[in-house]
Structure formats: C-alpha cells, structure tokens
C-alpha cells in the first residue's frame, strides 16, 4: 500500500479580474509521503499560499480551481463537499496561518479556542479538552500553560501566539500539517525555536508537513524535499540536499546567490541580487516567466518550456543541467 498522503497533479488557479484572468497558479504537481517535509519556496506573490489554501479548500468563491488530481489519502479533494472538508480541516489536515493575530479570535480565550477544535471533531468532555490543551501548550514550550488558557490573544507576545497556533493545529493529531511562513515577523532566536519545534513534532507524530517560506536558509535546515515556485509554477523540484548542491534552474541559482554561504561568502562581500520584478500573470502566459530577469534567456524561452531532469530532480528550462554560461542576453 502506498504511503503517499497527498497527491496533487496539474493544479491550476484562475482569478477573474477587471482587466482579464489572473493565472495565479499554473500546472502544479507534487506528492507528499507520511513523515516527509516538503518546502515550497519563492518570492512573495508566487502562489505559495494560494496552493496551500487550494489543498485546504479555503479559496474564495471567485477563484476557479482545476486539477487532474487532488487526493488526500482516501479523499478526492476535487469532489469533496463542504461537509467533508469541515470534517477534514482541523482534524486530519491542519494549517498554521502566517499571522496568528489575525487567525486567532480576539473575543475568545486561548483555552476556549483550543478546546473547541478538539470537541468539534472528538467526543470528549470539557475536562478532557482542557487537559489536552494544557498538554499541547506545554509540548510547544509554553510555561505556566494552565494559566494561559484564560488569556486572550492580545495578551500574548508574537512568539507565544505562534506557539498557540501550532498547538491549535495539533489538537487532533493531524496527518498533514501546512505551515504558511510560521516564523514571519519573529526574531531570529524565536524562529530557530519554532522551526526545531515543528521538525520535532512532525517526527514524533509521524506527520507530513508542507512548509511555505521565502527563506532558503530555513529550507536547508528542515526540508526533505523542496519545490521552487516562480510566477505561479514550479520551476524546480527535488530532494533539498540535491537542489542545494546542484541547483539547475537560473531562478534557484539566483535565490541561492542572495544568501550568505557559510565558508564561501567573504565577510563584507556583496550578496547577489535578481534584477527586475515578477511579470504580470493576467492574460495569456507563454514560455518561461523568468526570461525577463534571466541572464541566460534566449529567444526560444518564449516558447513552451520542457521539463528536464528525472522524476527525482526536475526543472523547467531550455538549458540542460550544467550547461548555463555565466553571462547571457535577456530576451
């Protein structure tokens, strides 16, 4: 029996706009196995969060979702109705949202919100739900957990709110956890603690995790697989160790040049940059969307781009792996 917990094939998300259709996500493919961590990385606006919301069934009514397959274990997410999705969300699949202050209800205490999640999906008493809430708050590193149950979100620091969000997502021991930039706006020491906590919990509970981030340093530390996303499509996918050791797409290489490399980047040396901006995805989108920013672009980049590599490490570029020169004209 396959241990694949989530399978997405050719996911497309289109948003009607006044000036045309915004092709926000185009042809996304990935599989995730139990116990694996997949990191989706890319610039803001590349479609990372929309992809996760599509999996959770939390898209706005105006967004048109299409896919050849979207399956979570034994559930066809494309055919699942609202009742089925309500039984899945918070139970078998959970999400840590990017900003906990806007995700937690300011009118209810932390304890009420944690207990409600468990009682919605499990037949437990108030006392049992409260005990589970205290257990998870302690597990995520919150001291004096019992006293926190009576506090409201605004009474907690950003780091504590993020830990409460993690506890909230884990109340029902989900099989799939989606973490949408869980360390945004946190200081570096708290970021490291949150990431280590997520890694430890996924291993302890044998969960699959999708980690959405724009920080490649985070990816290197925690991900088993990485999917590099640009302008609504995956431009490179593969095991994180291989993608970091042998980046094959110019965009992936550009991202890696933007971060300091331990033992390689000299102190005071300028970091790399990627010139230009992400192109508009309204209207027809053809060829490589990165070509206007790529130093290796050629006229052929305007045509459909083949996928190269293999089933393990794949990328979309007209240049074969390792064949890129250091300089090139922009199409």
Protein backbone atom coordinates (compact mmCIF):
# COMPACT_ATOMS: atom_id res chain seq x y z
CA UNK A 1 0.00 0.00 0.00
CA UNK A 2 1.29 3.45 -0.98
CA UNK A 3 2.39 5.74 1.85
CA UNK A 4 1.64 8.85 -0.22
CA UNK A 5 -0.62 11.05 1.91
CA UNK A 6 -1.19 13.92 -0.55
CA UNK A 7 -1.07 13.89 -4.34
CA UNK A 8 -1.58 17.00 -6.49
CA UNK A 9 -1.49 16.82 -10.28
CA UNK A 10 -1.71 19.79 -12.66
CA UNK A 11 -3.29 22.22 -10.18
CA UNK A 12 -4.41 25.48 -11.79
CA UNK A 13 -5.96 28.52 -10.07
CA UNK A 14 -7.51 31.32 -12.11
CA UNK A 15 -8.87 34.57 -10.68
CA UNK A 16 -11.18 36.79 -12.78
CA UNK A 17 -10.01 40.41 -12.78
CA UNK A 18 -11.39 43.55 -14.39
CA UNK A 19 -8.58 43.53 -16.94
CA UNK A 20 -8.63 39.78 -17.63
CA UNK A 21 -7.94 36.47 -15.91
CA UNK A 22 -5.10 36.23 -13.43
CA UNK A 23 -3.40 32.83 -13.83
CA UNK A 24 -2.20 32.71 -10.23
CA UNK A 25 -1.14 29.04 -10.13
CA UNK A 26 -0.27 27.01 -13.23
CA UNK A 27 0.28 23.27 -13.53
CA UNK A 28 1.47 22.41 -10.01
CA UNK A 29 2.48 18.77 -9.40
CA UNK A 30 3.77 17.27 -6.17
CA UNK A 31 3.43 14.21 -3.93
CA UNK A 32 3.97 14.05 -0.20
CA UNK A 33 4.53 10.94 1.90
CA UNK A 34 3.82 10.43 5.58
CA UNK A 35 6.71 11.72 7.68
CA UNK A 36 8.10 13.91 4.88
CA UNK A 37 8.57 17.68 4.90
CA UNK A 38 8.08 19.49 1.61
CA UNK A 39 9.11 23.14 1.49
CA UNK A 40 7.57 25.42 -1.13
CA UNK A 41 9.87 28.40 -1.59
CA UNK A 42 9.68 31.52 -3.70
CA UNK A 43 9.14 35.27 -3.73
CA UNK A 44 6.01 36.90 -2.34
CA UNK A 45 3.19 36.66 -4.87
CA UNK A 46 4.45 33.47 -6.49
CA UNK A 47 1.37 31.46 -5.46
CA UNK A 48 2.68 29.52 -2.45
CA UNK A 49 -0.12 30.40 -0.03
CA UNK A 50 -2.81 30.02 -2.70
CA UNK A 51 -1.58 26.49 -3.37
CA UNK A 52 -1.93 25.58 0.31
CA UNK A 53 -5.37 27.20 0.54
CA UNK A 54 -6.45 25.18 -2.51
CA UNK A 55 -5.46 21.97 -0.69
CA UNK A 56 -7.38 23.07 2.42
CA UNK A 57 -10.44 24.10 0.40
CA UNK A 58 -10.29 27.68 1.70
CA UNK A 59 -10.24 29.58 -1.59
CA UNK A 60 -12.55 32.50 -2.29
CA UNK A 61 -15.67 31.80 -4.33
CA UNK A 62 -14.37 33.74 -7.33
CA UNK A 63 -11.23 31.61 -7.69
CA UNK A 64 -11.54 28.80 -10.21
CA UNK A 65 -9.70 25.65 -9.14
CA UNK A 66 -8.88 22.90 -11.64
CA UNK A 67 -6.65 19.84 -11.37
CA UNK A 68 -6.21 16.39 -12.84
CA UNK A 69 -5.96 15.02 -9.29
CA UNK A 70 -6.03 16.31 -5.73
CA UNK A 71 -6.19 13.43 -3.30
CA UNK A 72 -5.62 13.36 0.44
CA UNK A 73 -5.24 9.71 1.44
CA UNK A 74 -8.66 8.20 0.60
CA UNK A 75 -10.43 11.53 -0.07
CA UNK A 76 -10.80 13.11 -3.52
CA UNK A 77 -10.46 16.80 -2.65
CA UNK A 78 -11.83 17.85 -6.03
CA UNK A 79 -15.15 16.15 -5.30
CA UNK A 80 -15.33 16.69 -1.53
CA UNK A 81 -18.30 18.81 -0.47
CA UNK A 82 -18.31 21.41 2.32
CA UNK A 83 -19.36 18.86 4.95
CA UNK A 84 -16.48 16.53 4.08
CA UNK A 85 -13.98 19.40 4.11
CA UNK A 86 -15.20 20.55 7.53
CA UNK A 87 -14.55 17.07 8.91
CA UNK A 88 -11.03 17.11 7.44
CA UNK A 89 -9.90 20.62 8.40
CA UNK A 90 -8.54 20.80 11.91
CA UNK A 91 -8.86 17.04 12.22
CA UNK A 92 -6.86 15.08 9.66
CA UNK A 93 -5.31 18.12 7.98
CA UNK A 94 -4.44 21.38 9.73
CA UNK A 95 -2.84 24.70 8.87
CA UNK A 96 -0.69 27.20 10.74
CA UNK A 97 -1.52 30.55 9.21
CA UNK A 98 1.01 33.27 8.50
CA UNK A 99 -0.20 35.84 11.04
CA UNK A 100 -1.58 34.38 14.29
CA UNK A 101 -3.02 37.68 15.50
CA UNK A 102 -5.48 37.71 12.59
CA UNK A 103 -6.12 33.95 12.77
CA UNK A 104 -6.93 33.67 16.48
CA UNK A 105 -10.32 35.03 17.55
CA UNK A 106 -9.73 38.09 19.77
CA UNK A 107 -13.11 37.61 21.52
CA UNK A 108 -12.35 34.16 22.93
CA UNK A 109 -9.71 32.94 25.35
CA UNK A 110 -6.89 30.68 24.24
CA UNK A 111 -8.41 27.81 26.21
CA UNK A 112 -11.83 28.17 24.58
CA UNK A 113 -10.32 28.13 21.08
CA UNK A 114 -8.14 25.11 21.76
CA UNK A 115 -10.95 23.13 23.41
CA UNK A 116 -13.43 23.99 20.64
CA UNK A 117 -11.15 22.49 17.99
CA UNK A 118 -10.93 19.15 19.81
CA UNK A 119 -14.61 18.96 20.80
CA UNK A 120 -15.68 19.71 17.24
CA UNK A 121 -14.01 16.52 15.98
CA UNK A 122 -13.84 14.26 19.04
CA UNK A 123 -16.40 13.16 21.59
CA UNK A 124 -14.62 14.43 24.68
CA UNK A 125 -15.67 16.29 27.81
CA UNK A 126 -14.69 19.84 28.69
CA UNK A 127 -12.22 18.49 31.24
CA UNK A 128 -10.59 16.20 28.66
CA UNK A 129 -10.36 19.01 26.11
CA UNK A 130 -8.81 21.29 28.72
CA UNK A 131 -6.27 18.63 29.71
CA UNK A 132 -5.33 18.12 26.05
CA UNK A 133 -4.92 21.89 25.60
CA UNK A 134 -2.58 22.11 28.60
CA UNK A 135 -0.59 19.11 27.35
CA UNK A 136 -0.03 20.66 23.92
CA UNK A 137 0.79 24.12 25.25
CA UNK A 138 3.48 22.50 27.37
CA UNK A 139 4.68 20.46 24.39
CA UNK A 140 5.14 23.60 22.28
CA UNK A 141 7.22 25.17 25.03
CA UNK A 142 4.75 27.49 26.79
CA UNK A 143 5.40 27.78 30.53
CA UNK A 144 2.56 28.06 33.06
CA UNK A 145 0.33 26.50 30.42
CA UNK A 146 -2.75 26.19 32.62
CA UNK A 147 -2.80 29.90 33.41
CA UNK A 148 -2.52 30.76 29.69
CA UNK A 149 -5.88 29.16 28.97
CA UNK A 150 -7.72 32.13 30.44
CA UNK A 151 -5.73 34.69 28.44
CA UNK A 152 -6.77 36.37 25.19
CA UNK A 153 -4.56 36.53 22.07
CA UNK A 154 -3.66 40.22 22.57
CA UNK A 155 -2.19 39.34 25.98
CA UNK A 156 0.48 37.12 24.41
CA UNK A 157 3.68 38.01 22.58
CA UNK A 158 4.14 37.19 18.91
CA UNK A 159 6.22 34.12 19.71
CA UNK A 160 3.66 32.81 22.19
CA UNK A 161 0.79 33.39 19.75
CA UNK A 162 2.67 31.42 17.12
CA UNK A 163 3.16 28.56 19.58
CA UNK A 164 -0.55 28.65 20.40
CA UNK A 165 -1.30 28.39 16.66
CA UNK A 166 0.91 25.30 16.47
CA UNK A 167 -0.86 23.76 19.46
CA UNK A 168 -4.22 24.59 17.88
CA UNK A 169 -3.21 22.84 14.66
CA UNK A 170 -2.05 19.75 16.58
CA UNK A 171 -5.06 19.31 18.87
CA UNK A 172 -6.47 16.40 16.82
CA UNK A 173 -3.06 14.96 15.80
CA UNK A 174 -3.49 15.61 12.05
CA UNK A 175 -1.84 13.52 9.35
CA UNK A 176 -0.95 16.63 7.31
CA UNK A 177 0.29 19.96 8.66
CA UNK A 178 0.62 23.03 6.44
CA UNK A 179 2.79 25.81 7.92
CA UNK A 180 2.47 29.07 5.97
CA UNK A 181 5.58 31.11 6.81
CA UNK A 182 5.26 30.27 10.53
CA UNK A 183 8.29 32.37 11.52
CA UNK A 184 7.34 35.64 9.79
CA UNK A 185 7.99 38.74 11.95
CA UNK A 186 9.66 36.69 14.72
CA UNK A 187 13.22 37.39 15.86
CA UNK A 188 15.97 35.00 14.84
CA UNK A 189 16.19 33.08 18.13
CA UNK A 190 12.42 32.51 18.24
CA UNK A 191 12.46 31.48 14.56
CA UNK A 192 15.00 28.76 15.30
CA UNK A 193 12.95 27.51 18.26
CA UNK A 194 9.71 27.38 16.25
CA UNK A 195 11.37 25.53 13.35
CA UNK A 196 13.02 23.00 15.63
CA UNK A 197 9.70 22.51 17.39
CA UNK A 198 7.88 21.83 14.11
CA UNK A 199 10.51 19.35 12.97
CA UNK A 200 10.48 17.50 16.29
CA UNK A 201 6.67 17.33 16.41
CA UNK A 202 6.31 16.06 12.82
CA UNK A 203 8.80 13.28 13.58
CA UNK A 204 7.18 12.44 16.91
CA UNK A 205 3.68 12.29 15.41
CA UNK A 206 4.78 10.91 12.01
CA UNK A 207 3.01 13.75 10.19
CA UNK A 208 3.61 15.04 6.70
CA UNK A 209 4.34 18.78 6.57
CA UNK A 210 4.23 21.44 3.87
CA UNK A 211 6.40 24.37 4.91
CA UNK A 212 5.85 27.56 2.94
CA UNK A 213 8.65 30.10 3.13
CA UNK A 214 10.81 32.53 1.16
CA UNK A 215 13.85 31.77 3.31
CA UNK A 216 16.19 29.21 1.76
CA UNK A 217 18.16 29.03 4.99
CA UNK A 218 15.04 27.62 6.66
CA UNK A 219 14.58 25.11 3.85
CA UNK A 220 18.13 23.82 4.17
CA UNK A 221 17.62 23.06 7.85
CA UNK A 222 14.25 21.32 7.90
CA UNK A 223 13.02 20.12 4.48
CA UNK A 224 13.33 16.69 2.92
CA UNK A 225 12.10 17.96 -0.46
CA UNK A 226 11.97 21.45 -1.93
CA UNK A 227 9.71 22.92 -4.61
CA UNK A 228 10.91 26.26 -6.01
CA UNK A 229 7.95 28.35 -7.18
CA UNK A 230 8.04 31.35 -9.50
CA UNK A 231 5.15 33.26 -11.06
CA UNK A 232 2.61 30.57 -10.27
CA UNK A 233 4.53 27.48 -11.39
CA UNK A 234 7.13 25.10 -10.01
CA UNK A 235 10.42 25.72 -11.79
CA UNK A 236 12.49 23.17 -9.86
CA UNK A 237 11.69 20.28 -7.52
CA UNK A 238 13.81 17.67 -5.81
CA UNK A 239 15.45 16.50 -2.58
CA UNK A 240 16.67 19.56 -0.68
CA UNK A 241 20.25 18.29 -0.43
CA UNK A 242 20.44 17.78 -4.18
CA UNK A 243 18.75 21.05 -5.13
CA UNK A 244 21.12 22.99 -2.87
CA UNK A 245 24.18 21.09 -4.08
CA UNK A 246 23.21 21.17 -7.78
CA UNK A 247 20.64 23.93 -8.50
CA UNK A 248 19.55 23.56 -12.11
CA UNK A 249 17.17 26.46 -12.79
CA UNK A 250 18.52 30.03 -13.12
CA UNK A 251 15.94 31.27 -10.61
CA UNK A 252 17.06 28.75 -7.98
CA UNK A 253 20.66 29.77 -8.57
CA UNK A 254 19.68 33.41 -8.23
CA UNK A 255 17.95 32.76 -4.91
CA UNK A 256 20.99 30.91 -3.56
CA UNK A 257 23.27 33.79 -4.54
CA UNK A 258 21.12 36.10 -2.42
CA UNK A 259 22.00 34.36 0.85
CA UNK A 260 25.44 34.11 2.51
CA UNK A 261 27.11 30.72 2.18
CA UNK A 262 28.98 29.54 5.32
CA UNK A 263 32.66 29.17 4.49
CA UNK A 264 32.21 30.61 0.99
CA UNK A 265 30.89 34.17 1.30
CA UNK A 266 33.60 36.58 2.47
CA UNK A 267 32.76 39.00 5.24
CA UNK A 268 31.64 42.32 3.73
CA UNK A 269 31.26 40.89 0.23
CA UNK A 270 28.05 41.96 -1.57
CA UNK A 271 25.34 39.35 -1.91
CA UNK A 272 23.75 38.51 -5.23
CA UNK A 273 20.51 40.07 -6.46
CA UNK A 274 17.84 39.18 -9.01
CA UNK A 275 17.07 42.24 -11.15
CA UNK A 276 13.57 43.14 -12.28
CA UNK A 277 10.15 42.18 -10.94
CA UNK A 278 7.77 39.24 -11.26
CA UNK A 279 5.80 39.66 -14.52
CA UNK A 280 2.04 40.12 -14.64
CA UNK A 281 0.11 36.85 -14.89
CA UNK A 282 -3.04 38.50 -16.25
CA UNK A 283 -3.95 37.28 -19.72
CA UNK A 284 -2.10 34.70 -21.75
CA UNK A 285 1.13 33.47 -20.19
CA UNK A 286 3.57 31.78 -22.57
CA UNK A 287 7.09 30.50 -22.32
CA UNK A 288 9.35 30.97 -19.31
CA UNK A 289 8.02 33.63 -16.95
CA UNK A 290 11.55 34.19 -15.62
CA UNK A 291 13.02 35.10 -19.01
CA UNK A 292 12.76 38.89 -18.48
CA UNK A 293 15.03 38.61 -15.43
CA UNK A 294 17.30 35.78 -16.54
CA UNK A 295 20.88 36.45 -17.75
CA UNK A 296 20.75 33.20 -19.75
CA UNK A 297 17.49 33.92 -21.64
CA UNK A 298 17.25 33.20 -25.35
CA UNK A 299 14.52 33.78 -27.95
CA UNK A 300 13.50 30.13 -27.52
CA UNK A 301 12.43 30.95 -23.94
CA UNK A 302 9.24 32.49 -25.36
CA UNK A 303 8.06 29.03 -26.49
CA UNK A 304 6.67 26.27 -24.19
CA UNK A 305 9.40 25.11 -21.81
CA UNK A 306 10.16 21.39 -21.50
CA UNK A 307 10.68 19.73 -18.14
CA UNK A 308 14.17 18.33 -17.78
CA UNK A 309 15.82 16.09 -15.24
CA UNK A 310 14.12 13.00 -13.86
CA UNK A 311 11.32 12.00 -11.50
CA UNK A 312 13.50 12.81 -8.50
CA UNK A 313 15.04 16.15 -9.50
CA UNK A 314 13.18 18.06 -12.22
CA UNK A 315 13.35 21.62 -13.55
CA UNK A 316 11.83 23.72 -16.36
CA UNK A 317 14.45 25.38 -18.53
CA UNK A 318 15.62 25.20 -22.16
CA UNK A 319 19.17 24.75 -20.91
CA UNK A 320 20.21 21.29 -19.86
CA UNK A 321 21.63 20.83 -16.38
CA UNK A 322 25.09 22.31 -16.03
CA UNK A 323 25.07 23.91 -19.48
CA UNK A 324 24.44 27.52 -18.39
CA UNK A 325 27.10 30.08 -19.14
CA UNK A 326 27.90 32.87 -16.73
CA UNK A 327 26.57 35.61 -18.97
CA UNK A 328 23.70 35.81 -21.45
CA UNK A 329 21.37 38.27 -23.08
CA UNK A 330 17.87 38.93 -21.73
CA UNK A 331 15.02 38.02 -24.03
